[in-house]
């Protein structure tokens, strides 16, 4: 009788271990493209990303760098004060997108140009994305909103 209970426990534990391994594998498979790391222009200059890596780039849109091209293509430069990265975006920019304003873009590097799939801009006078503010604080260019 004891050996039957022991076999049943081993079977249940084995099935639970397989189910746990399978669910962990499916979660990992689902996140493979869903995690985007944030990088500043200085980090991109010091450690260039892999060609197929999707990541987030943040900083300030450099004054005088916005060039509107054919159709919906816009090019501009993003800086953190120390380094600058050229950006190309095809699509409709947010209404609050402007020069000297904080932004974060999601995309990939192609031939030294960040090709953005999505652009996010500040939403009011005092807002700046946390990652951008932290990068600019490290450079000594951003003091934060007065409280």
N, C-alpha and C. Protein backbone atom coordinates (compact mmCIF):
# COMPACT_ATOMS: atom_id res chain seq x y z
N UNK A 1 0.82 -1.19 0.00
CA UNK A 1 0.00 0.00 0.00
C UNK A 1 0.87 1.26 0.00
N UNK A 2 1.97 1.24 0.78
CA UNK A 2 2.83 2.40 0.86
C UNK A 2 3.51 2.67 -0.48
N UNK A 3 3.86 1.62 -1.19
CA UNK A 3 4.56 1.84 -2.47
C UNK A 3 3.63 2.49 -3.50
N UNK A 4 2.35 2.21 -3.44
CA UNK A 4 1.39 2.83 -4.35
C UNK A 4 1.27 4.33 -4.07
N UNK A 5 1.22 4.71 -2.80
CA UNK A 5 1.17 6.13 -2.44
C UNK A 5 2.46 6.83 -2.86
N UNK A 6 3.58 6.16 -2.68
CA UNK A 6 4.87 6.73 -3.04
C UNK A 6 4.95 6.95 -4.55
N UNK A 7 4.48 5.97 -5.34
CA UNK A 7 4.48 6.11 -6.80
C UNK A 7 3.59 7.27 -7.24
N UNK A 8 2.42 7.38 -6.59
CA UNK A 8 1.48 8.45 -6.94
C UNK A 8 2.10 9.82 -6.65
N UNK A 9 2.77 9.96 -5.49
CA UNK A 9 3.44 11.22 -5.17
C UNK A 9 4.52 11.56 -6.18
N UNK A 10 5.30 10.58 -6.56
CA UNK A 10 6.36 10.81 -7.55
C UNK A 10 5.77 11.22 -8.89
N UNK A 11 4.68 10.59 -9.28
CA UNK A 11 4.02 10.96 -10.54
C UNK A 11 3.50 12.40 -10.49
N UNK A 12 2.87 12.77 -9.39
CA UNK A 12 2.33 14.12 -9.25
C UNK A 12 3.46 15.15 -9.26
N UNK A 13 4.53 14.88 -8.53
CA UNK A 13 5.67 15.80 -8.52
C UNK A 13 6.32 15.91 -9.90
N UNK A 14 6.41 14.81 -10.61
CA UNK A 14 6.98 14.82 -11.97
C UNK A 14 6.13 15.66 -12.91
N UNK A 15 4.82 15.47 -12.87
CA UNK A 15 3.91 16.24 -13.73
C UNK A 15 3.98 17.72 -13.35
N UNK A 16 4.04 18.04 -12.06
CA UNK A 16 4.15 19.43 -11.62
C UNK A 16 5.46 20.05 -12.10
N UNK A 17 6.56 19.33 -12.04
CA UNK A 17 7.86 19.85 -12.49
C UNK A 17 7.84 20.10 -14.00
N UNK A 18 7.26 19.20 -14.77
CA UNK A 18 7.16 19.40 -16.22
C UNK A 18 6.27 20.60 -16.54
N UNK A 19 5.14 20.73 -15.83
CA UNK A 19 4.25 21.87 -16.05
C UNK A 19 4.94 23.18 -15.69
N UNK A 20 5.71 23.20 -14.62
CA UNK A 20 6.43 24.39 -14.21
C UNK A 20 7.49 24.76 -15.26
N UNK A 21 8.24 23.79 -15.74
CA UNK A 21 9.27 24.04 -16.76
C UNK A 21 8.63 24.54 -18.05
N UNK A 22 7.51 23.95 -18.44
CA UNK A 22 6.81 24.36 -19.66
C UNK A 22 6.28 25.78 -19.53
N UNK A 23 5.69 26.11 -18.39
CA UNK A 23 5.17 27.46 -18.21
C UNK A 23 6.30 28.50 -18.16
N UNK A 24 7.42 28.18 -17.54
CA UNK A 24 8.57 29.10 -17.53
C UNK A 24 9.11 29.30 -18.94
N UNK A 25 9.16 28.25 -19.73
CA UNK A 25 9.60 28.37 -21.12
C UNK A 25 8.66 29.23 -21.95
N UNK A 26 7.36 29.07 -21.76
CA UNK A 26 6.38 29.89 -22.50
C UNK A 26 6.44 31.35 -22.10
N UNK A 27 6.67 31.62 -20.82
CA UNK A 27 6.81 33.00 -20.36
C UNK A 27 8.06 33.63 -20.98
N UNK A 28 9.16 32.92 -20.96
CA UNK A 28 10.39 33.42 -21.58
C UNK A 28 10.21 33.67 -23.06
N UNK A 29 9.52 32.78 -23.75
CA UNK A 29 9.26 32.94 -25.18
C UNK A 29 8.39 34.17 -25.44
N UNK A 30 7.43 34.41 -24.58
CA UNK A 30 6.56 35.57 -24.73
C UNK A 30 7.28 36.89 -24.49
N UNK A 31 8.29 36.91 -23.63
CA UNK A 31 9.03 38.12 -23.31
C UNK A 31 10.21 38.38 -24.24
N UNK A 32 10.51 37.51 -25.15
CA UNK A 32 11.73 37.64 -25.95
C UNK A 32 11.82 38.96 -26.69
N UNK A 33 10.71 39.53 -27.14
CA UNK A 33 10.74 40.83 -27.80
C UNK A 33 10.06 41.91 -26.97
N UNK A 34 9.55 41.56 -25.82
CA UNK A 34 8.77 42.50 -25.04
C UNK A 34 9.58 43.34 -24.06
N UNK A 35 10.85 43.03 -23.87
CA UNK A 35 11.66 43.77 -22.92
C UNK A 35 12.59 44.69 -23.71
N UNK A 36 12.42 45.99 -23.54
CA UNK A 36 13.25 46.98 -24.23
C UNK A 36 14.08 47.73 -23.21
N UNK A 37 15.38 47.65 -23.32
CA UNK A 37 16.26 48.35 -22.41
C UNK A 37 16.39 49.81 -22.81
N UNK A 38 16.52 50.69 -21.82
CA UNK A 38 16.69 52.11 -22.07
C UNK A 38 18.18 52.43 -22.19
N UNK A 39 18.52 53.30 -23.14
CA UNK A 39 19.89 53.76 -23.31
C UNK A 39 19.90 55.25 -23.61
N UNK A 40 20.91 55.92 -23.12
CA UNK A 40 21.12 57.33 -23.43
C UNK A 40 22.10 57.41 -24.60
N UNK A 41 22.21 58.57 -25.26
CA UNK A 41 23.18 58.70 -26.34
C UNK A 41 24.62 58.40 -25.91
N UNK A 42 24.99 58.75 -24.69
CA UNK A 42 26.34 58.45 -24.20
C UNK A 42 26.57 56.95 -24.08
N UNK A 43 25.55 56.22 -23.63
CA UNK A 43 25.67 54.77 -23.51
C UNK A 43 25.78 54.13 -24.88
N UNK A 44 25.08 54.66 -25.87
CA UNK A 44 25.15 54.12 -27.22
C UNK A 44 26.54 54.35 -27.82
N UNK A 45 27.12 55.53 -27.54
CA UNK A 45 28.46 55.84 -28.05
C UNK A 45 29.51 54.95 -27.41
N UNK A 46 29.39 54.68 -26.12
CA UNK A 46 30.40 53.87 -25.42
C UNK A 46 30.20 52.37 -25.64
N UNK A 47 28.97 51.91 -25.74
CA UNK A 47 28.67 50.49 -25.94
C UNK A 47 27.61 50.37 -27.03
N UNK A 48 28.00 50.33 -28.31
CA UNK A 48 27.01 50.24 -29.38
C UNK A 48 26.15 48.96 -29.26
N UNK A 49 24.85 49.08 -29.48
CA UNK A 49 23.96 47.92 -29.38
C UNK A 49 24.14 46.99 -30.58
N UNK A 50 23.69 45.77 -30.43
CA UNK A 50 23.70 44.80 -31.54
C UNK A 50 22.75 45.28 -32.63
N UNK A 51 23.02 44.88 -33.85
CA UNK A 51 22.23 45.36 -35.00
C UNK A 51 20.75 44.98 -34.89
N UNK A 52 20.44 43.84 -34.30
CA UNK A 52 19.05 43.39 -34.24
C UNK A 52 18.38 43.68 -32.90
N UNK A 53 19.04 44.45 -32.03
CA UNK A 53 18.50 44.73 -30.69
C UNK A 53 17.52 45.89 -30.71
N UNK A 54 16.33 45.65 -30.19
CA UNK A 54 15.34 46.72 -30.02
C UNK A 54 15.53 47.30 -28.63
N UNK A 55 15.63 48.63 -28.56
CA UNK A 55 15.83 49.29 -27.27
C UNK A 55 15.20 50.67 -27.29
N UNK A 56 15.23 51.34 -26.15
CA UNK A 56 14.67 52.69 -26.04
C UNK A 56 15.81 53.69 -25.94
N UNK A 57 15.68 54.76 -26.70
CA UNK A 57 16.64 55.86 -26.69
C UNK A 57 15.94 57.08 -26.13
N UNK A 58 16.58 57.76 -25.21
CA UNK A 58 15.97 58.95 -24.63
C UNK A 58 16.94 60.09 -24.48
N UNK A 59 16.42 61.29 -24.49
CA UNK A 59 17.23 62.48 -24.31
C UNK A 59 16.42 63.69 -24.74
N UNK A 60 17.14 64.78 -25.03
CA UNK A 60 16.51 66.01 -25.48
C UNK A 60 16.67 66.14 -26.99
N UNK A 61 15.62 66.61 -27.65
CA UNK A 61 15.69 66.86 -29.09
C UNK A 61 16.54 68.11 -29.29
N UNK A 62 17.62 67.96 -30.05
CA UNK A 62 18.56 69.06 -30.25
C UNK A 62 17.90 70.20 -31.04
N UNK A 63 18.14 71.43 -30.61
CA UNK A 63 17.57 72.61 -31.27
C UNK A 63 18.09 72.71 -32.70
N UNK A 64 17.17 72.95 -33.64
CA UNK A 64 17.53 73.12 -35.05
C UNK A 64 17.80 71.83 -35.79
N UNK A 65 17.53 70.69 -35.18
CA UNK A 65 17.86 69.42 -35.82
C UNK A 65 16.67 68.74 -36.50
N UNK A 66 15.45 69.22 -36.30
CA UNK A 66 14.27 68.57 -36.88
C UNK A 66 14.19 68.90 -38.36
N UNK A 67 14.19 67.85 -39.19
CA UNK A 67 14.07 67.99 -40.65
C UNK A 67 12.92 67.11 -41.10
N UNK A 68 11.91 67.72 -41.66
CA UNK A 68 10.76 66.95 -42.16
C UNK A 68 11.03 66.57 -43.60
N UNK A 69 11.00 65.28 -43.89
CA UNK A 69 11.30 64.78 -45.22
C UNK A 69 10.04 64.49 -46.00
N UNK A 70 10.20 63.66 -47.02
CA UNK A 70 9.07 63.26 -47.86
C UNK A 70 8.06 62.49 -47.02
N UNK A 71 6.82 62.68 -47.32
CA UNK A 71 5.68 62.05 -46.64
C UNK A 71 5.75 62.29 -45.14
N UNK A 72 5.77 61.24 -44.34
CA UNK A 72 5.73 61.37 -42.89
C UNK A 72 7.09 61.12 -42.25
N UNK A 73 8.17 61.15 -43.00
CA UNK A 73 9.49 60.87 -42.45
C UNK A 73 10.08 62.13 -41.84
N UNK A 74 10.55 61.99 -40.59
CA UNK A 74 11.16 63.10 -39.86
C UNK A 74 12.51 62.62 -39.33
N UNK A 75 13.53 63.45 -39.47
CA UNK A 75 14.82 63.15 -38.87
C UNK A 75 15.18 64.26 -37.90
N UNK A 76 15.86 63.89 -36.82
CA UNK A 76 16.29 64.85 -35.81
C UNK A 76 17.41 64.21 -35.01
N UNK A 77 17.98 64.97 -34.11
CA UNK A 77 19.09 64.49 -33.29
C UNK A 77 18.67 64.53 -31.82
N UNK A 78 19.00 63.47 -31.10
CA UNK A 78 18.73 63.39 -29.67
C UNK A 78 20.06 63.47 -28.94
N UNK A 79 20.10 64.28 -27.88
CA UNK A 79 21.35 64.47 -27.14
C UNK A 79 21.10 64.35 -25.64
N UNK A 80 22.16 64.00 -24.94
CA UNK A 80 22.12 64.04 -23.47
C UNK A 80 23.13 65.06 -22.96
N UNK A 81 23.62 65.89 -23.85
CA UNK A 81 24.59 66.92 -23.49
C UNK A 81 26.02 66.53 -23.80
N UNK A 82 26.32 65.23 -23.74
CA UNK A 82 27.67 64.77 -24.01
C UNK A 82 27.76 64.16 -25.41
N UNK A 83 26.79 63.39 -25.80
CA UNK A 83 26.76 62.71 -27.10
C UNK A 83 25.43 62.99 -27.79
N UNK A 84 25.40 62.78 -29.10
CA UNK A 84 24.18 62.96 -29.88
C UNK A 84 24.00 61.78 -30.81
N UNK A 85 22.76 61.40 -31.05
CA UNK A 85 22.42 60.28 -31.93
C UNK A 85 21.39 60.76 -32.94
N UNK A 86 21.66 60.55 -34.25
CA UNK A 86 20.65 60.90 -35.26
C UNK A 86 19.50 59.90 -35.21
N UNK A 87 18.28 60.41 -35.39
CA UNK A 87 17.07 59.59 -35.32
C UNK A 87 16.24 59.80 -36.57
N UNK A 88 15.68 58.71 -37.08
CA UNK A 88 14.75 58.76 -38.21
C UNK A 88 13.44 58.12 -37.77
N UNK A 89 12.33 58.79 -38.07
CA UNK A 89 11.02 58.28 -37.68
C UNK A 89 10.04 58.51 -38.81
N UNK A 90 9.31 57.47 -39.17
CA UNK A 90 8.25 57.60 -40.17
C UNK A 90 6.93 57.37 -39.47
N UNK A 91 6.10 58.40 -39.46
CA UNK A 91 4.82 58.32 -38.79
C UNK A 91 4.41 59.69 -38.31
N UNK A 92 3.40 59.72 -37.49
CA UNK A 92 2.89 60.97 -36.96
C UNK A 92 3.51 61.19 -35.58
N UNK A 93 4.18 62.32 -35.41
CA UNK A 93 4.80 62.65 -34.13
C UNK A 93 3.75 63.11 -33.14
N UNK A 94 4.00 62.92 -31.84
CA UNK A 94 3.06 63.44 -30.84
C UNK A 94 2.93 64.96 -30.96
N UNK A 95 1.80 65.51 -30.58
CA UNK A 95 1.56 66.95 -30.67
C UNK A 95 2.58 67.76 -29.88
N UNK A 96 3.03 67.26 -28.75
CA UNK A 96 3.93 68.01 -27.89
C UNK A 96 5.40 67.79 -28.23
N UNK A 97 5.70 67.09 -29.30
CA UNK A 97 7.08 66.86 -29.72
C UNK A 97 7.65 68.17 -30.23
N UNK A 98 8.78 68.60 -29.68
CA UNK A 98 9.41 69.85 -30.12
C UNK A 98 10.89 69.85 -29.78
N UNK A 99 11.59 70.87 -30.27
CA UNK A 99 13.01 71.02 -29.99
C UNK A 99 13.22 71.35 -28.52
N UNK A 100 14.35 70.92 -27.98
CA UNK A 100 14.71 71.13 -26.57
C UNK A 100 13.72 70.49 -25.61
N UNK A 101 12.98 69.49 -26.05
CA UNK A 101 12.01 68.78 -25.20
C UNK A 101 12.47 67.33 -25.02
N UNK A 102 12.09 66.75 -23.90
CA UNK A 102 12.42 65.36 -23.63
C UNK A 102 11.60 64.41 -24.48
N UNK A 103 12.22 63.30 -24.88
CA UNK A 103 11.52 62.28 -25.66
C UNK A 103 12.17 60.93 -25.42
N UNK A 104 11.38 59.89 -25.68
CA UNK A 104 11.89 58.52 -25.67
C UNK A 104 11.36 57.86 -26.93
N UNK A 105 12.25 57.16 -27.64
CA UNK A 105 11.86 56.44 -28.84
C UNK A 105 12.22 54.97 -28.71
N UNK A 106 11.42 54.11 -29.28
CA UNK A 106 11.69 52.68 -29.31
C UNK A 106 12.04 52.30 -30.73
N UNK A 107 13.16 51.59 -30.92
CA UNK A 107 13.56 51.20 -32.26
C UNK A 107 14.90 50.49 -32.27
N UNK A 108 15.62 50.58 -33.41
CA UNK A 108 16.89 49.88 -33.61
C UNK A 108 17.89 50.79 -34.31
N UNK A 109 19.16 50.48 -34.12
CA UNK A 109 20.22 51.20 -34.83
C UNK A 109 20.42 50.56 -36.20
N UNK A 110 20.50 51.39 -37.25
CA UNK A 110 20.79 50.94 -38.60
C UNK A 110 21.76 51.92 -39.23
N UNK A 111 22.98 51.47 -39.50
CA UNK A 111 24.01 52.30 -40.12
C UNK A 111 24.25 53.60 -39.36
N UNK A 112 24.31 53.53 -38.04
CA UNK A 112 24.60 54.71 -37.22
C UNK A 112 23.42 55.61 -36.97
N UNK A 113 22.24 55.26 -37.46
CA UNK A 113 21.03 56.06 -37.26
C UNK A 113 20.03 55.22 -36.47
N UNK A 114 19.43 55.83 -35.46
CA UNK A 114 18.39 55.16 -34.68
C UNK A 114 17.09 55.28 -35.47
N UNK A 115 16.56 54.15 -35.92
CA UNK A 115 15.30 54.13 -36.67
C UNK A 115 14.19 53.78 -35.68
N UNK A 116 13.38 54.78 -35.37
CA UNK A 116 12.36 54.65 -34.33
C UNK A 116 11.05 54.11 -34.90
N UNK A 117 10.44 53.21 -34.14
CA UNK A 117 9.11 52.68 -34.47
C UNK A 117 8.04 53.46 -33.72
N UNK A 118 8.43 54.04 -32.56
CA UNK A 118 7.49 54.76 -31.71
C UNK A 118 8.23 55.92 -31.05
N UNK A 119 7.58 57.05 -30.94
CA UNK A 119 8.14 58.23 -30.27
C UNK A 119 7.16 58.68 -29.19
N UNK A 120 7.67 58.89 -27.99
CA UNK A 120 6.89 59.43 -26.88
C UNK A 120 7.48 60.78 -26.50
N UNK A 121 6.63 61.76 -26.21
CA UNK A 121 7.08 63.09 -25.84
C UNK A 121 6.52 63.47 -24.49
N UNK A 122 7.06 64.54 -23.93
CA UNK A 122 6.57 65.01 -22.63
C UNK A 122 5.09 65.38 -22.74
N UNK A 123 4.38 65.37 -21.61
CA UNK A 123 2.94 65.65 -21.68
C UNK A 123 2.54 66.96 -21.03
N UNK A 124 3.44 67.63 -20.32
CA UNK A 124 3.14 68.96 -19.82
C UNK A 124 4.44 69.71 -19.59
N UNK A 125 4.37 70.87 -19.01
CA UNK A 125 5.55 71.72 -18.86
C UNK A 125 6.63 71.12 -17.96
N UNK A 126 6.25 70.33 -16.96
CA UNK A 126 7.21 69.85 -15.97
C UNK A 126 7.61 68.40 -16.15
N UNK A 127 6.93 67.65 -16.99
CA UNK A 127 7.19 66.22 -17.10
C UNK A 127 8.40 65.93 -17.98
N UNK A 128 9.21 64.98 -17.52
CA UNK A 128 10.27 64.41 -18.35
C UNK A 128 10.35 62.94 -17.95
N UNK A 129 10.44 62.03 -18.93
CA UNK A 129 10.52 60.61 -18.58
C UNK A 129 11.65 60.36 -17.57
N UNK A 130 11.41 59.49 -16.60
CA UNK A 130 12.35 59.25 -15.52
C UNK A 130 13.73 58.87 -16.03
N UNK A 131 13.79 57.99 -17.04
CA UNK A 131 15.08 57.55 -17.55
C UNK A 131 15.85 58.69 -18.17
N UNK A 132 15.14 59.57 -18.89
CA UNK A 132 15.79 60.73 -19.51
C UNK A 132 16.30 61.67 -18.44
N UNK A 133 15.46 61.95 -17.42
CA UNK A 133 15.87 62.84 -16.34
C UNK A 133 17.09 62.29 -15.61
N UNK A 134 17.12 61.00 -15.34
CA UNK A 134 18.27 60.39 -14.66
C UNK A 134 19.54 60.53 -15.49
N UNK A 135 19.45 60.31 -16.80
CA UNK A 135 20.62 60.44 -17.67
C UNK A 135 21.12 61.88 -17.71
N UNK A 136 20.19 62.82 -17.79
CA UNK A 136 20.58 64.23 -17.84
C UNK A 136 21.13 64.71 -16.50
N UNK A 137 20.62 64.16 -15.40
CA UNK A 137 21.16 64.51 -14.08
C UNK A 137 22.60 64.04 -13.96
N UNK A 138 22.90 62.84 -14.49
CA UNK A 138 24.27 62.33 -14.46
C UNK A 138 25.22 63.25 -15.22
N UNK A 139 24.73 63.88 -16.28
CA UNK A 139 25.53 64.80 -17.08
C UNK A 139 25.56 66.20 -16.47
N UNK A 140 24.71 66.45 -15.46
CA UNK A 140 24.65 67.77 -14.83
C UNK A 140 23.83 68.77 -15.62
N UNK A 141 22.96 68.29 -16.53
CA UNK A 141 22.19 69.18 -17.39
C UNK A 141 20.75 69.37 -16.93
N UNK A 142 20.31 68.61 -15.95
CA UNK A 142 18.90 68.65 -15.54
C UNK A 142 18.85 68.67 -14.03
N UNK A 143 18.14 69.63 -13.48
CA UNK A 143 18.02 69.76 -12.02
C UNK A 143 16.71 69.19 -11.51
N UNK A 144 15.75 68.98 -12.39
CA UNK A 144 14.44 68.47 -11.98
C UNK A 144 13.48 69.61 -11.68
N UNK A 145 12.19 69.29 -11.58
CA UNK A 145 11.20 70.34 -11.31
C UNK A 145 11.34 70.87 -9.91
N UNK A 146 11.05 72.12 -9.72
CA UNK A 146 11.12 72.70 -8.37
C UNK A 146 9.88 72.29 -7.60
N UNK A 147 10.08 71.79 -6.41
CA UNK A 147 8.96 71.31 -5.59
C UNK A 147 8.62 72.26 -4.51
